[in-house]
Amino acid sequence: MNDFSIHHVNVNVDDLDAAIVFYRDVIGLPLDVTPDQGFRSQFFRIGRDQQIHMNEIADVHQFRGHFCLVAPDFVGVFRRAKAADAIDLKPWGRVRRLPSGAMQMFVRDPAGNLVEIGSARDADIDVALFEDELVEPEPGIYRMAPGASVGAHETP
C-alpha cells in the first residue's frame, strides 16, 4: 500500500513579484496563506492538500528537471503562456498530445524553473490548438535516438 502524497514542491526564484504574476496570472494558481519565514515567500494552493512554496532565494536551475501540474484548462494556460513567451521547446520538444490522450507542454517561469503543464486524459481540447506552430499535429512522445548524448542545452 502506498500512503505517500506530495504536500508541497519548493521553488526558488530571484524575483518573487514576477513569479507571483507568472504562477497566478499565466498558470492560474490561487495564492494561499503564507507564514512569515524571515525571507520573501508566497505559497500557492494546488487542489485541497497541496502547495507550491515559492521563495525569493537565488538558485541554480536545471535545464530539463521539472515538476508537472495538471491544469483544468490546458488550452487557456497554453494561450496565456504563449502570450507571455513562456513556452520552452528546447528541453522536451513541442506541445503534444501523449498516447494516453493527455496534453503536455513545458513552460519556464521568470526565474528559469521548468514546469510541465498537463491535461486530464479526457480533457476537451480545441482542435484549432493543433494548427499552432508550437504544437505537434499528431500524438506522440519526445524521443531521443538510442545512445544519443544530448547536452544540457542542445535539442535532438
N, C-alpha and C. Protein backbone atom coordinates (compact mmCIF):
# COMPACT_ATOMS: atom_id res chain seq x y z
N MET A 1 0.85 -1.18 0.00
CA MET A 1 0.00 0.00 0.00
C MET A 1 0.89 1.24 0.00
N ASN A 2 0.52 2.23 -0.79
CA ASN A 2 1.31 3.46 -0.89
C ASN A 2 0.49 4.60 -0.32
N ASP A 3 0.88 5.05 0.87
CA ASP A 3 0.17 6.15 1.53
C ASP A 3 0.88 7.49 1.36
N PHE A 4 1.90 7.53 0.49
CA PHE A 4 2.61 8.78 0.28
C PHE A 4 1.77 9.74 -0.56
N SER A 5 1.97 11.01 -0.32
CA SER A 5 1.40 12.05 -1.16
C SER A 5 2.37 13.22 -1.12
N ILE A 6 2.25 14.10 -2.09
CA ILE A 6 3.10 15.29 -2.10
C ILE A 6 2.35 16.39 -1.37
N HIS A 7 2.99 16.95 -0.35
CA HIS A 7 2.41 18.09 0.36
C HIS A 7 2.72 19.38 -0.36
N HIS A 8 4.01 19.55 -0.70
CA HIS A 8 4.39 20.76 -1.43
C HIS A 8 5.65 20.53 -2.25
N VAL A 9 5.83 21.40 -3.23
CA VAL A 9 7.05 21.49 -4.02
C VAL A 9 7.63 22.85 -3.70
N ASN A 10 8.93 22.91 -3.44
CA ASN A 10 9.60 24.18 -3.15
C ASN A 10 10.28 24.68 -4.41
N VAL A 11 10.03 25.93 -4.76
CA VAL A 11 10.63 26.54 -5.95
C VAL A 11 11.29 27.84 -5.52
N ASN A 12 12.57 27.98 -5.84
CA ASN A 12 13.28 29.21 -5.53
C ASN A 12 13.31 30.11 -6.76
N VAL A 13 13.09 31.40 -6.53
CA VAL A 13 13.07 32.39 -7.60
C VAL A 13 13.90 33.59 -7.17
N ASP A 14 14.36 34.36 -8.15
CA ASP A 14 15.14 35.55 -7.81
C ASP A 14 14.28 36.82 -7.79
N ASP A 15 13.04 36.75 -8.25
CA ASP A 15 12.13 37.89 -8.26
C ASP A 15 10.73 37.38 -7.91
N LEU A 16 10.37 37.48 -6.63
CA LEU A 16 9.09 36.93 -6.17
C LEU A 16 7.91 37.61 -6.84
N ASP A 17 7.98 38.91 -7.05
CA ASP A 17 6.85 39.62 -7.68
C ASP A 17 6.58 39.09 -9.08
N ALA A 18 7.63 38.88 -9.87
CA ALA A 18 7.47 38.34 -11.22
C ALA A 18 6.95 36.90 -11.15
N ALA A 19 7.41 36.12 -10.19
CA ALA A 19 6.96 34.74 -10.04
C ALA A 19 5.47 34.69 -9.67
N ILE A 20 5.03 35.58 -8.80
CA ILE A 20 3.62 35.61 -8.42
C ILE A 20 2.75 35.89 -9.64
N VAL A 21 3.14 36.88 -10.44
CA VAL A 21 2.38 37.19 -11.66
C VAL A 21 2.34 35.97 -12.56
N PHE A 22 3.46 35.28 -12.75
CA PHE A 22 3.51 34.12 -13.63
C PHE A 22 2.63 32.98 -13.12
N TYR A 23 2.83 32.55 -11.90
CA TYR A 23 2.10 31.39 -11.38
C TYR A 23 0.62 31.69 -11.15
N ARG A 24 0.29 32.92 -10.77
CA ARG A 24 -1.11 33.28 -10.55
C ARG A 24 -1.82 33.61 -11.87
N ASP A 25 -1.20 34.47 -12.69
CA ASP A 25 -1.90 35.01 -13.87
C ASP A 25 -1.69 34.19 -15.14
N VAL A 26 -0.53 33.57 -15.31
CA VAL A 26 -0.28 32.77 -16.52
C VAL A 26 -0.75 31.33 -16.30
N ILE A 27 -0.26 30.69 -15.23
CA ILE A 27 -0.65 29.31 -14.96
C ILE A 27 -2.05 29.24 -14.35
N GLY A 28 -2.38 30.19 -13.47
CA GLY A 28 -3.72 30.23 -12.90
C GLY A 28 -3.85 29.65 -11.51
N LEU A 29 -2.75 29.57 -10.75
CA LEU A 29 -2.81 29.02 -9.40
C LEU A 29 -3.27 30.08 -8.39
N PRO A 30 -4.12 29.70 -7.45
CA PRO A 30 -4.53 30.65 -6.42
C PRO A 30 -3.46 30.80 -5.34
N LEU A 31 -3.37 32.00 -4.79
CA LEU A 31 -2.47 32.26 -3.67
C LEU A 31 -3.01 31.55 -2.44
N ASP A 32 -2.11 31.18 -1.54
CA ASP A 32 -2.50 30.54 -0.28
C ASP A 32 -1.88 31.32 0.87
N VAL A 33 -2.38 31.08 2.06
CA VAL A 33 -1.84 31.71 3.26
C VAL A 33 -0.37 31.35 3.38
N THR A 34 0.48 32.36 3.62
CA THR A 34 1.92 32.16 3.66
C THR A 34 2.47 32.69 4.98
N PRO A 35 3.12 31.84 5.77
CA PRO A 35 3.68 32.31 7.04
C PRO A 35 4.93 33.17 6.81
N ASP A 36 5.25 34.01 7.80
CA ASP A 36 6.49 34.79 7.75
C ASP A 36 7.63 33.82 8.03
N GLN A 37 8.53 33.67 7.05
CA GLN A 37 9.65 32.75 7.20
C GLN A 37 10.99 33.46 7.35
N GLY A 38 10.94 34.79 7.42
CA GLY A 38 12.18 35.54 7.54
C GLY A 38 12.79 35.90 6.19
N PHE A 39 12.15 35.50 5.11
CA PHE A 39 12.55 35.88 3.75
C PHE A 39 11.26 35.97 2.94
N ARG A 40 11.34 36.64 1.79
CA ARG A 40 10.14 36.81 0.96
C ARG A 40 9.70 35.47 0.40
N SER A 41 8.42 35.16 0.56
CA SER A 41 7.89 33.91 0.05
C SER A 41 6.39 34.05 -0.22
N GLN A 42 5.88 33.15 -1.02
CA GLN A 42 4.44 33.07 -1.29
C GLN A 42 4.08 31.63 -1.55
N PHE A 43 3.02 31.15 -0.91
CA PHE A 43 2.53 29.80 -1.14
C PHE A 43 1.39 29.87 -2.15
N PHE A 44 1.26 28.83 -2.98
CA PHE A 44 0.18 28.69 -3.94
C PHE A 44 -0.57 27.40 -3.62
N ARG A 45 -1.86 27.42 -3.73
CA ARG A 45 -2.71 26.26 -3.45
C ARG A 45 -2.83 25.40 -4.70
N ILE A 46 -2.68 24.09 -4.53
CA ILE A 46 -2.92 23.12 -5.59
C ILE A 46 -3.90 22.10 -5.02
N GLY A 47 -5.10 22.09 -5.53
CA GLY A 47 -6.09 21.16 -5.01
C GLY A 47 -6.41 21.45 -3.56
N ARG A 48 -6.79 20.42 -2.85
CA ARG A 48 -7.20 20.58 -1.46
C ARG A 48 -6.04 20.55 -0.48
N ASP A 49 -5.03 19.71 -0.75
CA ASP A 49 -4.00 19.44 0.25
C ASP A 49 -2.57 19.68 -0.22
N GLN A 50 -2.38 20.34 -1.36
CA GLN A 50 -1.03 20.50 -1.87
C GLN A 50 -0.72 21.97 -2.13
N GLN A 51 0.58 22.27 -2.15
CA GLN A 51 1.03 23.64 -2.34
C GLN A 51 2.32 23.68 -3.15
N ILE A 52 2.59 24.85 -3.70
CA ILE A 52 3.94 25.22 -4.14
C ILE A 52 4.41 26.29 -3.18
N HIS A 53 5.58 26.11 -2.61
CA HIS A 53 6.19 27.11 -1.75
C HIS A 53 7.21 27.86 -2.60
N MET A 54 6.96 29.13 -2.83
CA MET A 54 7.80 29.97 -3.67
C MET A 54 8.64 30.85 -2.75
N ASN A 55 9.97 30.73 -2.85
CA ASN A 55 10.89 31.50 -2.00
C ASN A 55 11.77 32.39 -2.86
N GLU A 56 11.92 33.64 -2.45
CA GLU A 56 12.83 34.54 -3.17
C GLU A 56 14.25 34.29 -2.67
N ILE A 57 14.85 33.27 -3.25
CA ILE A 57 16.21 32.87 -2.93
C ILE A 57 16.87 32.50 -4.25
N ALA A 58 17.91 33.22 -4.65
CA ALA A 58 18.58 32.92 -5.91
C ALA A 58 19.11 31.49 -5.87
N ASP A 59 19.00 30.80 -7.01
CA ASP A 59 19.39 29.39 -7.05
C ASP A 59 19.80 29.02 -8.47
N VAL A 60 20.36 27.85 -8.63
CA VAL A 60 20.70 27.30 -9.93
C VAL A 60 19.53 26.43 -10.38
N HIS A 61 19.18 26.49 -11.67
CA HIS A 61 18.03 25.73 -12.17
C HIS A 61 18.48 24.72 -13.22
N GLN A 62 17.93 23.53 -13.13
CA GLN A 62 18.22 22.50 -14.13
C GLN A 62 17.61 22.88 -15.47
N PHE A 63 18.16 22.30 -16.53
CA PHE A 63 17.63 22.55 -17.86
C PHE A 63 16.39 21.70 -18.15
N ARG A 64 16.43 20.41 -17.81
CA ARG A 64 15.31 19.51 -18.08
C ARG A 64 14.54 19.10 -16.83
N GLY A 65 15.11 19.26 -15.65
CA GLY A 65 14.41 18.89 -14.42
C GLY A 65 13.19 19.78 -14.24
N HIS A 66 12.07 19.19 -13.77
CA HIS A 66 10.82 19.94 -13.70
C HIS A 66 9.86 19.25 -12.75
N PHE A 67 8.75 19.92 -12.47
CA PHE A 67 7.60 19.30 -11.84
C PHE A 67 6.43 19.52 -12.77
N CYS A 68 5.37 18.74 -12.59
CA CYS A 68 4.24 18.78 -13.52
C CYS A 68 2.96 19.16 -12.79
N LEU A 69 2.21 20.06 -13.39
CA LEU A 69 0.87 20.44 -12.91
C LEU A 69 -0.15 20.02 -13.94
N VAL A 70 -1.23 19.38 -13.51
CA VAL A 70 -2.33 19.07 -14.41
C VAL A 70 -3.31 20.23 -14.32
N ALA A 71 -3.50 20.92 -15.43
CA ALA A 71 -4.32 22.14 -15.47
C ALA A 71 -5.76 21.79 -15.84
N PRO A 72 -6.73 22.41 -15.17
CA PRO A 72 -8.12 22.17 -15.54
C PRO A 72 -8.50 22.79 -16.88
N ASP A 73 -7.73 23.80 -17.33
CA ASP A 73 -7.99 24.46 -18.62
C ASP A 73 -6.66 24.54 -19.38
N PHE A 74 -6.25 23.42 -19.96
CA PHE A 74 -4.97 23.35 -20.65
C PHE A 74 -4.85 24.40 -21.75
N VAL A 75 -5.88 24.53 -22.57
CA VAL A 75 -5.84 25.48 -23.69
C VAL A 75 -5.72 26.91 -23.18
N GLY A 76 -6.40 27.24 -22.09
CA GLY A 76 -6.27 28.57 -21.51
C GLY A 76 -4.86 28.85 -21.03
N VAL A 77 -4.24 27.86 -20.36
CA VAL A 77 -2.85 28.03 -19.92
C VAL A 77 -1.94 28.15 -21.14
N PHE A 78 -2.18 27.33 -22.17
CA PHE A 78 -1.38 27.43 -23.39
C PHE A 78 -1.43 28.85 -23.96
N ARG A 79 -2.62 29.39 -24.08
CA ARG A 79 -2.77 30.74 -24.66
C ARG A 79 -2.05 31.80 -23.82
N ARG A 80 -2.22 31.73 -22.50
CA ARG A 80 -1.56 32.71 -21.64
C ARG A 80 -0.04 32.52 -21.66
N ALA A 81 0.43 31.27 -21.65
CA ALA A 81 1.87 31.00 -21.68
C ALA A 81 2.48 31.44 -23.00
N LYS A 82 1.76 31.23 -24.10
CA LYS A 82 2.27 31.68 -25.41
C LYS A 82 2.34 33.20 -25.44
N ALA A 83 1.31 33.87 -24.94
CA ALA A 83 1.31 35.35 -24.91
C ALA A 83 2.45 35.87 -24.04
N ALA A 84 2.80 35.13 -23.00
CA ALA A 84 3.90 35.53 -22.11
C ALA A 84 5.25 35.06 -22.62
N ASP A 85 5.29 34.39 -23.78
CA ASP A 85 6.51 33.84 -24.36
C ASP A 85 7.22 32.92 -23.37
N ALA A 86 6.43 32.10 -22.67
CA ALA A 86 6.97 31.23 -21.62
C ALA A 86 7.09 29.77 -22.04
N ILE A 87 6.56 29.40 -23.19
CA ILE A 87 6.64 28.01 -23.64
C ILE A 87 8.07 27.73 -24.09
N ASP A 88 8.68 26.67 -23.55
CA ASP A 88 10.07 26.33 -23.86
C ASP A 88 10.09 24.99 -24.60
N LEU A 89 10.45 25.00 -25.87
CA LEU A 89 10.50 23.79 -26.69
C LEU A 89 11.85 23.08 -26.61
N LYS A 90 12.88 23.75 -26.10
CA LYS A 90 14.23 23.20 -26.15
C LYS A 90 14.41 21.91 -25.34
N PRO A 91 13.95 21.83 -24.09
CA PRO A 91 14.26 20.62 -23.34
C PRO A 91 13.49 19.37 -23.76
N TRP A 92 12.20 19.48 -24.08
CA TRP A 92 11.38 18.30 -24.33
C TRP A 92 10.52 18.43 -25.58
N GLY A 93 10.79 19.37 -26.46
CA GLY A 93 10.08 19.46 -27.73
C GLY A 93 8.78 20.23 -27.65
N ARG A 94 8.03 20.11 -28.75
CA ARG A 94 6.79 20.88 -28.90
C ARG A 94 5.67 20.37 -28.00
N VAL A 95 4.67 21.20 -27.84
CA VAL A 95 3.45 20.84 -27.13
C VAL A 95 2.84 19.67 -27.88
N ARG A 96 2.31 18.69 -27.13
CA ARG A 96 1.81 17.49 -27.80
C ARG A 96 0.71 16.80 -27.01
N ARG A 97 -0.06 16.00 -27.75
CA ARG A 97 -0.97 15.05 -27.11
C ARG A 97 -0.19 13.75 -26.97
N LEU A 98 -0.15 13.22 -25.76
CA LEU A 98 0.54 11.97 -25.50
C LEU A 98 -0.34 10.79 -25.93
N PRO A 99 0.25 9.63 -26.13
CA PRO A 99 -0.55 8.45 -26.50
C PRO A 99 -1.68 8.15 -25.49
N SER A 100 -1.52 8.57 -24.25
CA SER A 100 -2.56 8.36 -23.22
C SER A 100 -3.78 9.24 -23.44
N GLY A 101 -3.63 10.28 -24.28
CA GLY A 101 -4.70 11.25 -24.50
C GLY A 101 -4.47 12.56 -23.77
N ALA A 102 -3.58 12.56 -22.77
CA ALA A 102 -3.28 13.79 -22.03
C ALA A 102 -2.43 14.73 -22.90
N MET A 103 -2.57 16.02 -22.66
CA MET A 103 -1.74 17.02 -23.32
C MET A 103 -0.52 17.30 -22.46
N GLN A 104 0.56 17.79 -23.10
CA GLN A 104 1.81 18.08 -22.40
C GLN A 104 2.48 19.29 -23.03
N MET A 105 2.92 20.23 -22.18
CA MET A 105 3.77 21.33 -22.63
C MET A 105 4.69 21.71 -21.48
N PHE A 106 5.75 22.40 -21.83
CA PHE A 106 6.73 22.84 -20.84
C PHE A 106 6.86 24.35 -20.92
N VAL A 107 6.84 24.99 -19.75
CA VAL A 107 6.98 26.45 -19.66
C VAL A 107 8.11 26.77 -18.69
N ARG A 108 8.73 27.92 -18.89
CA ARG A 108 9.77 28.42 -17.97
C ARG A 108 9.19 29.58 -17.21
N ASP A 109 9.38 29.56 -15.90
CA ASP A 109 8.97 30.72 -15.11
C ASP A 109 10.02 31.82 -15.26
N PRO A 110 9.77 33.02 -14.77
CA PRO A 110 10.73 34.12 -14.95
C PRO A 110 12.11 33.85 -14.34
N ALA A 111 12.20 32.94 -13.35
CA ALA A 111 13.48 32.63 -12.73
C ALA A 111 14.23 31.52 -13.46
N GLY A 112 13.59 30.87 -14.43
CA GLY A 112 14.25 29.81 -15.17
C GLY A 112 13.84 28.40 -14.77
N ASN A 113 12.90 28.25 -13.83
CA ASN A 113 12.41 26.93 -13.45
C ASN A 113 11.54 26.38 -14.57
N LEU A 114 11.69 25.09 -14.87
CA LEU A 114 10.88 24.44 -15.89
C LEU A 114 9.67 23.79 -15.23
N VAL A 115 8.49 24.02 -15.79
CA VAL A 115 7.25 23.46 -15.28
C VAL A 115 6.54 22.76 -16.43
N GLU A 116 6.19 21.49 -16.22
CA GLU A 116 5.38 20.79 -17.20
C GLU A 116 3.92 21.06 -16.89
N ILE A 117 3.15 21.38 -17.91
CA ILE A 117 1.71 21.56 -17.76
C ILE A 117 1.04 20.43 -18.54
N GLY A 118 0.20 19.68 -17.86
CA GLY A 118 -0.51 18.58 -18.49
C GLY A 118 -2.00 18.80 -18.41
N SER A 119 -2.73 17.93 -19.08
CA SER A 119 -4.19 17.94 -19.01
C SER A 119 -4.65 16.57 -18.55
N ALA A 120 -5.90 16.48 -18.18
CA ALA A 120 -6.51 15.18 -17.93
C ALA A 120 -6.59 14.44 -19.27
N ARG A 121 -6.59 13.14 -19.23
CA ARG A 121 -6.63 12.33 -20.46
C ARG A 121 -7.88 12.62 -21.29
N ASP A 122 -8.98 12.91 -20.61
CA ASP A 122 -10.24 13.12 -21.31
C ASP A 122 -10.61 14.60 -21.46
N ALA A 123 -9.62 15.47 -21.30
CA ALA A 123 -9.89 16.92 -21.40
C ALA A 123 -10.37 17.27 -22.80
N ASP A 124 -11.29 18.20 -22.86
CA ASP A 124 -11.80 18.70 -24.14
C ASP A 124 -10.78 19.71 -24.68
N ILE A 125 -10.09 19.36 -25.74
CA ILE A 125 -9.04 20.21 -26.33
C ILE A 125 -9.53 20.72 -27.68
N ASP A 126 -9.56 22.02 -27.83
CA ASP A 126 -9.96 22.65 -29.09
C ASP A 126 -9.03 22.18 -30.21
N VAL A 127 -9.58 21.60 -31.27
CA VAL A 127 -8.76 21.07 -32.37
C VAL A 127 -7.93 22.16 -33.05
N ALA A 128 -8.34 23.41 -32.94
CA ALA A 128 -7.57 24.51 -33.53
C ALA A 128 -6.18 24.61 -32.90
N LEU A 129 -6.03 24.12 -31.67
CA LEU A 129 -4.73 24.15 -30.99
C LEU A 129 -3.67 23.45 -31.84
N PHE A 130 -4.03 22.37 -32.53
CA PHE A 130 -3.08 21.55 -33.27
C PHE A 130 -2.61 22.22 -34.57
N GLU A 131 -3.17 23.38 -34.88
CA GLU A 131 -2.71 24.16 -36.03
C GLU A 131 -1.61 25.15 -35.66
N ASP A 132 -1.38 25.31 -34.36
CA ASP A 132 -0.35 26.24 -33.89
C ASP A 132 1.04 25.65 -34.14
N GLU A 133 1.99 26.49 -34.54
CA GLU A 133 3.35 26.03 -34.85
C GLU A 133 4.08 25.46 -33.64
N LEU A 134 3.62 25.75 -32.42
CA LEU A 134 4.25 25.22 -31.21
C LEU A 134 3.74 23.83 -30.84
N VAL A 135 2.77 23.34 -31.58
CA VAL A 135 2.09 22.09 -31.22
C VAL A 135 2.32 21.03 -32.29
N GLU A 136 2.68 19.82 -31.83
CA GLU A 136 2.79 18.67 -32.73
C GLU A 136 1.39 18.33 -33.24
N PRO A 137 1.22 18.14 -34.55
CA PRO A 137 -0.12 17.86 -35.06
C PRO A 137 -0.61 16.44 -34.75
N GLU A 138 0.31 15.50 -34.52
CA GLU A 138 -0.06 14.11 -34.25
C GLU A 138 0.38 13.70 -32.84
N PRO A 139 -0.38 12.81 -32.20
CA PRO A 139 0.02 12.33 -30.87
C PRO A 139 1.38 11.65 -30.91
N GLY A 140 2.09 11.71 -29.80
CA GLY A 140 3.40 11.07 -29.71
C GLY A 140 4.10 11.45 -28.42
N ILE A 141 5.33 11.01 -28.30
CA ILE A 141 6.15 11.33 -27.14
C ILE A 141 7.49 11.87 -27.62
N TYR A 142 8.19 12.54 -26.74
CA TYR A 142 9.53 13.04 -27.05
C TYR A 142 10.47 11.84 -27.09
N ARG A 143 11.27 11.74 -28.12
CA ARG A 143 12.20 10.63 -28.25
C ARG A 143 13.60 11.14 -28.59
N MET A 144 14.58 10.40 -28.07
CA MET A 144 15.98 10.59 -28.45
C MET A 144 16.45 9.28 -29.05
N ALA A 145 17.36 9.36 -29.99
CA ALA A 145 17.91 8.14 -30.59
C ALA A 145 18.62 7.34 -29.49
N PRO A 146 18.53 6.01 -29.52
CA PRO A 146 19.23 5.19 -28.52
C PRO A 146 20.70 5.54 -28.47
N GLY A 147 21.21 5.74 -27.28
CA GLY A 147 22.62 6.08 -27.10
C GLY A 147 22.97 7.51 -27.39
N ALA A 148 21.99 8.33 -27.76
CA ALA A 148 22.28 9.73 -28.07
C ALA A 148 22.73 10.45 -26.82
N SER A 149 23.67 11.33 -26.98
CA SER A 149 24.14 12.15 -25.88
C SER A 149 23.70 13.57 -26.16
N VAL A 150 22.63 13.97 -25.54
CA VAL A 150 22.11 15.32 -25.76
C VAL A 150 22.60 16.19 -24.61
N GLY A 151 23.38 17.19 -24.93
CA GLY A 151 23.90 18.11 -23.92
C GLY A 151 22.78 18.91 -23.26
N ALA A 152 23.13 19.58 -22.21
CA ALA A 152 22.16 20.29 -21.38
C ALA A 152 21.33 21.30 -22.18
N HIS A 153 21.91 21.93 -23.17
CA HIS A 153 21.16 22.96 -23.89
C HIS A 153 21.09 22.70 -25.39
N GLU A 154 21.19 21.42 -25.76
CA GLU A 154 21.07 21.04 -27.15
C GLU A 154 19.71 20.37 -27.37
N THR A 155 19.21 20.42 -28.56
CA THR A 155 17.99 19.70 -28.88
C THR A 155 18.35 18.57 -29.84
N PRO A 156 17.64 17.47 -29.76
CA PRO A 156 17.97 16.34 -30.63
C PRO A 156 17.64 16.63 -32.08
